[in-house]
Full PDB file with SEQRES, HELIX, SHEET, SSBOND, CRYST1, ORIGX, SCALE, CONECT and MASTER records, all heavy atoms in Angstrom:
SEQRES   1 A   38  VAL ALA SER ALA LEU VAL ILE GLY LEU ALA GLY THR ALA          
SEQRES   2 A   38  SER ALA ALA THR ILE GLY PHE ASN GLN THR SER THR SER          
SEQRES   3 A   38  GLY LYS ALA GLU ILE SER GLY THR TYR GLU TYR HIS              
HELIX    1 AA1 ALA A    2  ALA A   13  1                                  12    
SHEET    1 AA1 2 ALA A  16  THR A  23  0                                        
SHEET    2 AA1 2 GLU A  30  TYR A  37 -1                                        
CRYST1    1.000    1.000    1.000  90.00  90.00  90.00 P 1           1          
ORIGX1      1.000000  0.000000  0.000000        0.00000                         
ORIGX2      0.000000  1.000000  0.000000        0.00000                         
ORIGX3      0.000000  0.000000  1.000000        0.00000                         
SCALE1      1.000000  0.000000  0.000000        0.00000                         
SCALE2      0.000000  1.000000  0.000000        0.00000                         
SCALE3      0.000000  0.000000  1.000000        0.00000                         
ATOM      1  N   VAL A   1      34.726  35.320 -32.240  1.00  0.00           N  
ATOM      2  CA  VAL A   1      34.551  36.417 -33.195  1.00  0.00           C  
ATOM      3  C   VAL A   1      33.847  35.903 -34.450  1.00  0.00           C  
ATOM      4  O   VAL A   1      32.916  36.534 -34.956  1.00  0.00           O  
ATOM      5  CB  VAL A   1      35.903  37.075 -33.551  1.00  0.00           C  
ATOM      6  CG1 VAL A   1      35.765  38.014 -34.735  1.00  0.00           C  
ATOM      7  CG2 VAL A   1      36.446  37.817 -32.343  1.00  0.00           C  
ATOM      8  N   ALA A   2      34.253  34.755 -34.951  1.00  0.00           N  
ATOM      9  CA  ALA A   2      33.626  34.184 -36.146  1.00  0.00           C  
ATOM     10  C   ALA A   2      32.151  33.886 -35.884  1.00  0.00           C  
ATOM     11  O   ALA A   2      31.288  34.166 -36.719  1.00  0.00           O  
ATOM     12  CB  ALA A   2      34.357  32.917 -36.586  1.00  0.00           C  
ATOM     13  N   SER A   3      31.845  33.333 -34.713  1.00  0.00           N  
ATOM     14  CA  SER A   3      30.446  33.045 -34.375  1.00  0.00           C  
ATOM     15  C   SER A   3      29.631  34.323 -34.305  1.00  0.00           C  
ATOM     16  O   SER A   3      28.500  34.379 -34.791  1.00  0.00           O  
ATOM     17  CB  SER A   3      30.356  32.326 -33.025  1.00  0.00           C  
ATOM     18  OG  SER A   3      30.972  31.063 -33.115  1.00  0.00           O  
ATOM     19  N   ALA A   4      30.180  35.355 -33.699  1.00  0.00           N  
ATOM     20  CA  ALA A   4      29.474  36.635 -33.594  1.00  0.00           C  
ATOM     21  C   ALA A   4      29.204  37.215 -34.982  1.00  0.00           C  
ATOM     22  O   ALA A   4      28.126  37.751 -35.244  1.00  0.00           O  
ATOM     23  CB  ALA A   4      30.275  37.623 -32.753  1.00  0.00           C  
ATOM     24  N   LEU A   5      30.178  37.099 -35.879  1.00  0.00           N  
ATOM     25  CA  LEU A   5      29.978  37.609 -37.239  1.00  0.00           C  
ATOM     26  C   LEU A   5      28.877  36.841 -37.959  1.00  0.00           C  
ATOM     27  O   LEU A   5      28.036  37.426 -38.626  1.00  0.00           O  
ATOM     28  CB  LEU A   5      31.280  37.540 -38.036  1.00  0.00           C  
ATOM     29  CG  LEU A   5      32.331  38.577 -37.668  1.00  0.00           C  
ATOM     30  CD1 LEU A   5      33.637  38.277 -38.396  1.00  0.00           C  
ATOM     31  CD2 LEU A   5      31.853  39.969 -38.002  1.00  0.00           C  
ATOM     32  N   VAL A   6      28.867  35.524 -37.813  1.00  0.00           N  
ATOM     33  CA  VAL A   6      27.843  34.712 -38.467  1.00  0.00           C  
ATOM     34  C   VAL A   6      26.468  35.062 -37.916  1.00  0.00           C  
ATOM     35  O   VAL A   6      25.514  35.273 -38.661  1.00  0.00           O  
ATOM     36  CB  VAL A   6      28.140  33.203 -38.291  1.00  0.00           C  
ATOM     37  CG1 VAL A   6      26.942  32.361 -38.691  1.00  0.00           C  
ATOM     38  CG2 VAL A   6      29.356  32.816 -39.114  1.00  0.00           C  
ATOM     39  N   ILE A   7      26.352  35.189 -36.598  1.00  0.00           N  
ATOM     40  CA  ILE A   7      25.066  35.530 -35.986  1.00  0.00           C  
ATOM     41  C   ILE A   7      24.645  36.924 -36.427  1.00  0.00           C  
ATOM     42  O   ILE A   7      23.499  37.160 -36.779  1.00  0.00           O  
ATOM     43  CB  ILE A   7      25.150  35.426 -34.447  1.00  0.00           C  
ATOM     44  CG1 ILE A   7      25.272  33.957 -34.053  1.00  0.00           C  
ATOM     45  CG2 ILE A   7      23.935  36.067 -33.786  1.00  0.00           C  
ATOM     46  CD1 ILE A   7      25.636  33.722 -32.609  1.00  0.00           C  
ATOM     47  N   GLY A   8      25.551  37.869 -36.441  1.00  0.00           N  
ATOM     48  CA  GLY A   8      25.252  39.236 -36.860  1.00  0.00           C  
ATOM     49  C   GLY A   8      24.786  39.294 -38.296  1.00  0.00           C  
ATOM     50  O   GLY A   8      23.812  39.956 -38.620  1.00  0.00           O  
ATOM     51  N   LEU A   9      25.457  38.587 -39.186  1.00  0.00           N  
ATOM     52  CA  LEU A   9      25.065  38.598 -40.594  1.00  0.00           C  
ATOM     53  C   LEU A   9      23.731  37.905 -40.795  1.00  0.00           C  
ATOM     54  O   LEU A   9      22.890  38.363 -41.553  1.00  0.00           O  
ATOM     55  CB  LEU A   9      26.148  37.925 -41.448  1.00  0.00           C  
ATOM     56  CG  LEU A   9      27.468  38.695 -41.560  1.00  0.00           C  
ATOM     57  CD1 LEU A   9      28.496  37.859 -42.307  1.00  0.00           C  
ATOM     58  CD2 LEU A   9      27.267  40.031 -42.236  1.00  0.00           C  
ATOM     59  N   ALA A  10      23.515  36.816 -40.085  1.00  0.00           N  
ATOM     60  CA  ALA A  10      22.234  36.122 -40.215  1.00  0.00           C  
ATOM     61  C   ALA A  10      21.110  36.994 -39.688  1.00  0.00           C  
ATOM     62  O   ALA A  10      20.023  37.039 -40.240  1.00  0.00           O  
ATOM     63  CB  ALA A  10      22.271  34.791 -39.456  1.00  0.00           C  
ATOM     64  N   GLY A  11      21.365  37.737 -38.614  1.00  0.00           N  
ATOM     65  CA  GLY A  11      20.355  38.606 -38.034  1.00  0.00           C  
ATOM     66  C   GLY A  11      19.919  39.690 -38.995  1.00  0.00           C  
ATOM     67  O   GLY A  11      18.759  40.058 -39.037  1.00  0.00           O  
ATOM     68  N   THR A  12      20.821  40.231 -39.788  1.00  0.00           N  
ATOM     69  CA  THR A  12      20.442  41.302 -40.704  1.00  0.00           C  
ATOM     70  C   THR A  12      19.697  40.755 -41.918  1.00  0.00           C  
ATOM     71  O   THR A  12      18.972  41.484 -42.556  1.00  0.00           O  
ATOM     72  CB  THR A  12      21.673  42.091 -41.187  1.00  0.00           C  
ATOM     73  OG1 THR A  12      22.580  41.199 -41.838  1.00  0.00           O  
ATOM     74  CG2 THR A  12      22.373  42.784 -40.043  1.00  0.00           C  
ATOM     75  N   ALA A  13      19.886  39.491 -42.223  1.00  0.00           N  
ATOM     76  CA  ALA A  13      19.253  38.919 -43.407  1.00  0.00           C  
ATOM     77  C   ALA A  13      17.856  38.385 -43.101  1.00  0.00           C  
ATOM     78  O   ALA A  13      17.064  38.192 -44.003  1.00  0.00           O  
ATOM     79  CB  ALA A  13      20.121  37.796 -43.970  1.00  0.00           C  
ATOM     80  N   SER A  14      17.562  38.128 -41.833  1.00  0.00           N  
ATOM     81  CA  SER A  14      16.274  37.538 -41.501  1.00  0.00           C  
ATOM     82  C   SER A  14      15.181  38.593 -41.430  1.00  0.00           C  
ATOM     83  O   SER A  14      15.438  39.779 -41.335  1.00  0.00           O  
ATOM     84  CB  SER A  14      16.386  36.792 -40.162  1.00  0.00           C  
ATOM     85  OG  SER A  14      16.693  37.698 -39.140  1.00  0.00           O  
ATOM     86  N   ALA A  15      13.963  38.116 -41.454  1.00  0.00           N  
ATOM     87  CA  ALA A  15      12.809  39.010 -41.407  1.00  0.00           C  
ATOM     88  C   ALA A  15      12.560  39.481 -39.978  1.00  0.00           C  
ATOM     89  O   ALA A  15      12.921  38.810 -39.021  1.00  0.00           O  
ATOM     90  CB  ALA A  15      11.583  38.283 -41.936  1.00  0.00           C  
ATOM     91  N   ALA A  16      11.957  40.647 -39.867  1.00  0.00           N  
ATOM     92  CA  ALA A  16      11.521  41.154 -38.572  1.00  0.00           C  
ATOM     93  C   ALA A  16      10.002  41.161 -38.563  1.00  0.00           C  
ATOM     94  O   ALA A  16       9.360  41.508 -39.555  1.00  0.00           O  
ATOM     95  CB  ALA A  16      12.051  42.564 -38.345  1.00  0.00           C  
ATOM     96  N   THR A  17       9.424  40.758 -37.443  1.00  0.00           N  
ATOM     97  CA  THR A  17       7.982  40.728 -37.295  1.00  0.00           C  
ATOM     98  C   THR A  17       7.596  41.549 -36.079  1.00  0.00           C  
ATOM     99  O   THR A  17       8.175  41.386 -35.015  1.00  0.00           O  
ATOM    100  CB  THR A  17       7.483  39.277 -37.137  1.00  0.00           C  
ATOM    101  OG1 THR A  17       7.885  38.524 -38.285  1.00  0.00           O  
ATOM    102  CG2 THR A  17       5.975  39.223 -37.006  1.00  0.00           C  
ATOM    103  N   ILE A  18       6.614  42.431 -36.262  1.00  0.00           N  
ATOM    104  CA  ILE A  18       6.162  43.304 -35.182  1.00  0.00           C  
ATOM    105  C   ILE A  18       4.657  43.136 -35.018  1.00  0.00           C  
ATOM    106  O   ILE A  18       3.897  43.410 -35.947  1.00  0.00           O  
ATOM    107  CB  ILE A  18       6.473  44.787 -35.502  1.00  0.00           C  
ATOM    108  CG1 ILE A  18       7.969  44.999 -35.680  1.00  0.00           C  
ATOM    109  CG2 ILE A  18       5.900  45.704 -34.429  1.00  0.00           C  
ATOM    110  CD1 ILE A  18       8.332  46.361 -36.234  1.00  0.00           C  
ATOM    111  N   GLY A  19       4.252  42.687 -33.855  1.00  0.00           N  
ATOM    112  CA  GLY A  19       2.832  42.706 -33.526  1.00  0.00           C  
ATOM    113  C   GLY A  19       2.526  44.100 -32.991  1.00  0.00           C  
ATOM    114  O   GLY A  19       3.294  44.643 -32.211  1.00  0.00           O  
ATOM    115  N   PHE A  20       1.420  44.688 -33.410  1.00  0.00           N  
ATOM    116  CA  PHE A  20       1.132  46.046 -32.957  1.00  0.00           C  
ATOM    117  C   PHE A  20      -0.301  46.189 -32.471  1.00  0.00           C  
ATOM    118  O   PHE A  20      -1.192  45.452 -32.891  1.00  0.00           O  
ATOM    119  CB  PHE A  20       1.435  47.082 -34.047  1.00  0.00           C  
ATOM    120  CG  PHE A  20       0.624  46.946 -35.301  1.00  0.00           C  
ATOM    121  CD1 PHE A  20      -0.558  47.661 -35.462  1.00  0.00           C  
ATOM    122  CD2 PHE A  20       1.033  46.116 -36.336  1.00  0.00           C  
ATOM    123  CE1 PHE A  20      -1.308  47.547 -36.623  1.00  0.00           C  
ATOM    124  CE2 PHE A  20       0.288  46.003 -37.503  1.00  0.00           C  
ATOM    125  CZ  PHE A  20      -0.888  46.718 -37.647  1.00  0.00           C  
ATOM    126  N   ASN A  21      -0.491  47.123 -31.546  1.00  0.00           N  
ATOM    127  CA  ASN A  21      -1.790  47.456 -31.007  1.00  0.00           C  
ATOM    128  C   ASN A  21      -1.667  48.869 -30.452  1.00  0.00           C  
ATOM    129  O   ASN A  21      -0.828  49.125 -29.596  1.00  0.00           O  
ATOM    130  CB  ASN A  21      -2.180  46.466 -29.908  1.00  0.00           C  
ATOM    131  CG  ASN A  21      -3.586  46.718 -29.421  1.00  0.00           C  
ATOM    132  OD1 ASN A  21      -3.861  47.697 -28.743  1.00  0.00           O  
ATOM    133  ND2 ASN A  21      -4.486  45.826 -29.787  1.00  0.00           N  
ATOM    134  N   GLN A  22      -2.483  49.783 -30.973  1.00  0.00           N  
ATOM    135  CA  GLN A  22      -2.383  51.179 -30.556  1.00  0.00           C  
ATOM    136  C   GLN A  22      -3.741  51.840 -30.675  1.00  0.00           C  
ATOM    137  O   GLN A  22      -4.562  51.456 -31.518  1.00  0.00           O  
ATOM    138  CB  GLN A  22      -1.361  51.918 -31.430  1.00  0.00           C  
ATOM    139  CG  GLN A  22      -1.063  53.338 -31.008  1.00  0.00           C  
ATOM    140  CD  GLN A  22      -0.490  53.423 -29.610  1.00  0.00           C  
ATOM    141  OE1 GLN A  22      -1.234  53.506 -28.647  1.00  0.00           O  
ATOM    142  NE2 GLN A  22       0.824  53.373 -29.512  1.00  0.00           N  
ATOM    143  N   THR A  23      -3.986  52.855 -29.833  1.00  0.00           N  
ATOM    144  CA  THR A  23      -5.200  53.654 -29.934  1.00  0.00           C  
ATOM    145  C   THR A  23      -4.840  55.053 -30.410  1.00  0.00           C  
ATOM    146  O   THR A  23      -3.715  55.515 -30.228  1.00  0.00           O  
ATOM    147  CB  THR A  23      -5.928  53.768 -28.577  1.00  0.00           C  
ATOM    148  OG1 THR A  23      -5.037  54.371 -27.635  1.00  0.00           O  
ATOM    149  CG2 THR A  23      -6.393  52.408 -28.076  1.00  0.00           C  
ATOM    150  N   SER A  24      -5.816  55.727 -31.013  1.00  0.00           N  
ATOM    151  CA  SER A  24      -5.640  57.132 -31.364  1.00  0.00           C  
ATOM    152  C   SER A  24      -5.525  57.924 -30.061  1.00  0.00           C  
ATOM    153  O   SER A  24      -5.859  57.412 -28.985  1.00  0.00           O  
ATOM    154  CB  SER A  24      -6.828  57.618 -32.195  1.00  0.00           C  
ATOM    155  OG  SER A  24      -8.028  57.498 -31.454  1.00  0.00           O  
ATOM    156  N   THR A  25      -5.069  59.172 -30.150  1.00  0.00           N  
ATOM    157  CA  THR A  25      -4.904  59.956 -28.924  1.00  0.00           C  
ATOM    158  C   THR A  25      -6.231  60.203 -28.214  1.00  0.00           C  
ATOM    159  O   THR A  25      -6.256  60.421 -27.004  1.00  0.00           O  
ATOM    160  CB  THR A  25      -4.191  61.298 -29.198  1.00  0.00           C  
ATOM    161  OG1 THR A  25      -4.963  62.060 -30.122  1.00  0.00           O  
ATOM    162  CG2 THR A  25      -2.785  61.073 -29.735  1.00  0.00           C  
ATOM    163  N   SER A  26      -7.346  60.151 -28.939  1.00  0.00           N  
ATOM    164  CA  SER A  26      -8.671  60.316 -28.325  1.00  0.00           C  
ATOM    165  C   SER A  26      -9.161  59.028 -27.666  1.00  0.00           C  
ATOM    166  O   SER A  26     -10.097  59.052 -26.869  1.00  0.00           O  
ATOM    167  CB  SER A  26      -9.689  60.741 -29.378  1.00  0.00           C  
ATOM    168  OG  SER A  26      -9.963  59.650 -30.240  1.00  0.00           O  
ATOM    169  N   GLY A  27      -8.572  57.892 -28.071  1.00  0.00           N  
ATOM    170  CA  GLY A  27      -9.029  56.594 -27.581  1.00  0.00           C  
ATOM    171  C   GLY A  27     -10.230  56.051 -28.335  1.00  0.00           C  
ATOM    172  O   GLY A  27     -10.719  54.961 -28.033  1.00  0.00           O  
ATOM    173  N   LYS A  28     -10.704  56.764 -29.354  1.00  0.00           N  
ATOM    174  CA  LYS A  28     -11.884  56.329 -30.110  1.00  0.00           C  
ATOM    175  C   LYS A  28     -11.570  55.257 -31.148  1.00  0.00           C  
ATOM    176  O   LYS A  28     -12.457  54.510 -31.545  1.00  0.00           O  
ATOM    177  CB  LYS A  28     -12.537  57.521 -30.814  1.00  0.00           C  
ATOM    178  CG  LYS A  28     -13.143  58.534 -29.876  1.00  0.00           C  
ATOM    179  CD  LYS A  28     -13.746  59.681 -30.668  1.00  0.00           C  
ATOM    180  CE  LYS A  28     -14.364  60.721 -29.772  1.00  0.00           C  
ATOM    181  NZ  LYS A  28     -15.002  61.801 -30.550  1.00  0.00           N  
ATOM    182  N   ALA A  29     -10.317  55.227 -31.633  1.00  0.00           N  
ATOM    183  CA  ALA A  29      -9.919  54.250 -32.655  1.00  0.00           C  
ATOM    184  C   ALA A  29      -8.813  53.361 -32.107  1.00  0.00           C  
ATOM    185  O   ALA A  29      -7.950  53.820 -31.348  1.00  0.00           O  
ATOM    186  CB  ALA A  29      -9.425  54.973 -33.904  1.00  0.00           C  
ATOM    187  N   GLU A  30      -8.852  52.099 -32.499  1.00  0.00           N  
ATOM    188  CA  GLU A  30      -7.807  51.156 -32.109  1.00  0.00           C  
ATOM    189  C   GLU A  30      -7.357  50.384 -33.341  1.00  0.00           C  
ATOM    190  O   GLU A  30      -8.193  49.914 -34.115  1.00  0.00           O  
ATOM    191  CB  GLU A  30      -8.336  50.179 -31.059  1.00  0.00           C  
ATOM    192  CG  GLU A  30      -7.310  49.162 -30.612  1.00  0.00           C  
ATOM    193  CD  GLU A  30      -7.855  48.213 -29.552  1.00  0.00           C  
ATOM    194  OE1 GLU A  30      -9.093  48.074 -29.425  1.00  0.00           O  
ATOM    195  OE2 GLU A  30      -7.037  47.607 -28.850  1.00  0.00           O  
ATOM    196  N   ILE A  31      -6.038  50.273 -33.526  1.00  0.00           N  
ATOM    197  CA  ILE A  31      -5.500  49.462 -34.620  1.00  0.00           C  
ATOM    198  C   ILE A  31      -4.702  48.311 -34.033  1.00  0.00           C  
ATOM    199  O   ILE A  31      -4.157  48.404 -32.929  1.00  0.00           O  
ATOM    200  CB  ILE A  31      -4.626  50.281 -35.601  1.00  0.00           C  
ATOM    201  CG1 ILE A  31      -3.371  50.827 -34.913  1.00  0.00           C  
ATOM    202  CG2 ILE A  31      -5.448  51.393 -36.250  1.00  0.00           C  
ATOM    203  CD1 ILE A  31      -2.319  51.370 -35.871  1.00  0.00           C  
ATOM    204  N   SER A  32      -4.632  47.222 -34.790  1.00  0.00           N  
ATOM    205  CA  SER A  32      -3.844  46.069 -34.369  1.00  0.00           C  
ATOM    206  C   SER A  32      -3.517  45.223 -35.593  1.00  0.00           C  
ATOM    207  O   SER A  32      -4.081  45.420 -36.667  1.00  0.00           O  
ATOM    208  CB  SER A  32      -4.613  45.238 -33.335  1.00  0.00           C  
ATOM    209  OG  SER A  32      -5.814  44.757 -33.896  1.00  0.00           O  
ATOM    210  N   GLY A  33      -2.595  44.286 -35.413  1.00  0.00           N  
ATOM    211  CA  GLY A  33      -2.222  43.378 -36.487  1.00  0.00           C  
ATOM    212  C   GLY A  33      -0.766  42.975 -36.375  1.00  0.00           C  
ATOM    213  O   GLY A  33      -0.122  43.176 -35.343  1.00  0.00           O  
ATOM    214  N   THR A  34      -0.248  42.440 -37.463  1.00  0.00           N  
ATOM    215  CA  THR A  34       1.141  42.006 -37.525  1.00  0.00           C  
ATOM    216  C   THR A  34       1.787  42.608 -38.764  1.00  0.00           C  
ATOM    217  O   THR A  34       1.228  42.529 -39.862  1.00  0.00           O  
ATOM    218  CB  THR A  34       1.239  40.470 -37.588  1.00  0.00           C  
ATOM    219  OG1 THR A  34       0.559  39.925 -36.458  1.00  0.00           O  
ATOM    220  CG2 THR A  34       2.686  40.004 -37.589  1.00  0.00           C  
ATOM    221  N   TYR A  35       2.964  43.196 -38.553  1.00  0.00           N  
ATOM    222  CA  TYR A  35       3.742  43.822 -39.625  1.00  0.00           C  
ATOM    223  C   TYR A  35       5.044  43.044 -39.753  1.00  0.00           C  
ATOM    224  O   TYR A  35       5.737  42.821 -38.760  1.00  0.00           O  
ATOM    225  CB  TYR A  35       4.000  45.285 -39.258  1.00  0.00           C  
ATOM    226  CG  TYR A  35       5.069  45.991 -40.057  1.00  0.00           C  
ATOM    227  CD1 TYR A  35       4.988  46.111 -41.433  1.00  0.00           C  
ATOM    228  CD2 TYR A  35       6.162  46.572 -39.419  1.00  0.00           C  
ATOM    229  CE1 TYR A  35       5.963  46.784 -42.155  1.00  0.00           C  
ATOM    230  CE2 TYR A  35       7.141  47.250 -40.132  1.00  0.00           C  
ATOM    231  CZ  TYR A  35       7.031  47.349 -41.491  1.00  0.00           C  
ATOM    232  OH  TYR A  35       7.998  48.012 -42.204  1.00  0.00           O  
ATOM    233  N   GLU A  36       5.366  42.588 -40.964  1.00  0.00           N  
ATOM    234  CA  GLU A  36       6.598  41.836 -41.225  1.00  0.00           C  
ATOM    235  C   GLU A  36       7.338  42.518 -42.355  1.00  0.00           C  
ATOM    236  O   GLU A  36       6.720  42.979 -43.315  1.00  0.00           O  
ATOM    237  CB  GLU A  36       6.256  40.401 -41.594  1.00  0.00           C  
ATOM    238  CG  GLU A  36       7.457  39.524 -41.937  1.00  0.00           C  
ATOM    239  CD  GLU A  36       7.874  39.601 -43.400  1.00  0.00           C  
ATOM    240  OE1 GLU A  36       6.999  39.775 -44.262  1.00  0.00           O  
ATOM    241  OE2 GLU A  36       9.076  39.525 -43.676  1.00  0.00           O  
ATOM    242  N   TYR A  37       8.658  42.609 -42.225  1.00  0.00           N  
ATOM    243  CA  TYR A  37       9.447  43.170 -43.320  1.00  0.00           C  
ATOM    244  C   TYR A  37      10.803  42.488 -43.407  1.00  0.00           C  
ATOM    245  O   TYR A  37      11.284  41.901 -42.432  1.00  0.00           O  
ATOM    246  CB  TYR A  37       9.617  44.685 -43.164  1.00  0.00           C  
ATOM    247  CG  TYR A  37      10.470  45.098 -41.989  1.00  0.00           C  
ATOM    248  CD1 TYR A  37      11.827  45.350 -42.152  1.00  0.00           C  
ATOM    249  CD2 TYR A  37       9.929  45.232 -40.717  1.00  0.00           C  
ATOM    250  CE1 TYR A  37      12.616  45.722 -41.078  1.00  0.00           C  
ATOM    251  CE2 TYR A  37      10.702  45.605 -39.656  1.00  0.00           C  
ATOM    252  CZ  TYR A  37      12.058  45.853 -39.828  1.00  0.00           C  
ATOM    253  OH  TYR A  37      12.834  46.210 -38.761  1.00  0.00           O  
ATOM    254  N   HIS A  38      11.398  42.559 -44.602  1.00  0.00           N  
ATOM    255  CA  HIS A  38      12.720  41.997 -44.834  1.00  0.00           C  
ATOM    256  C   HIS A  38      13.392  42.765 -45.974  1.00  0.00           C  
ATOM    257  O   HIS A  38      12.722  43.396 -46.792  1.00  0.00           O  
ATOM    258  CB  HIS A  38      12.632  40.501 -45.167  1.00  0.00           C  
ATOM    259  CG  HIS A  38      11.808  40.221 -46.377  1.00  0.00           C  
ATOM    260  ND1 HIS A  38      10.436  40.084 -46.335  1.00  0.00           N  
ATOM    261  CD2 HIS A  38      12.135  40.093 -47.677  1.00  0.00           C  
ATOM    262  CE1 HIS A  38       9.975  39.873 -47.552  1.00  0.00           C  
ATOM    263  NE2 HIS A  38      10.987  39.876 -48.401  1.00  0.00           N  
TER     264      HIS A  38                                                      
MASTER        0    0    0    1    2    0    0    6  263    1    0    3          
END                                                                             
């Protein structure tokens, strides 16, 4: 239980990184990159 709490608390404090790649619904535009937040 103590280990789970430590892992859970550390998980909420760390940054999240999302690599993204998407096209518009027409397929004419494409976006990509990396989004990070904390």
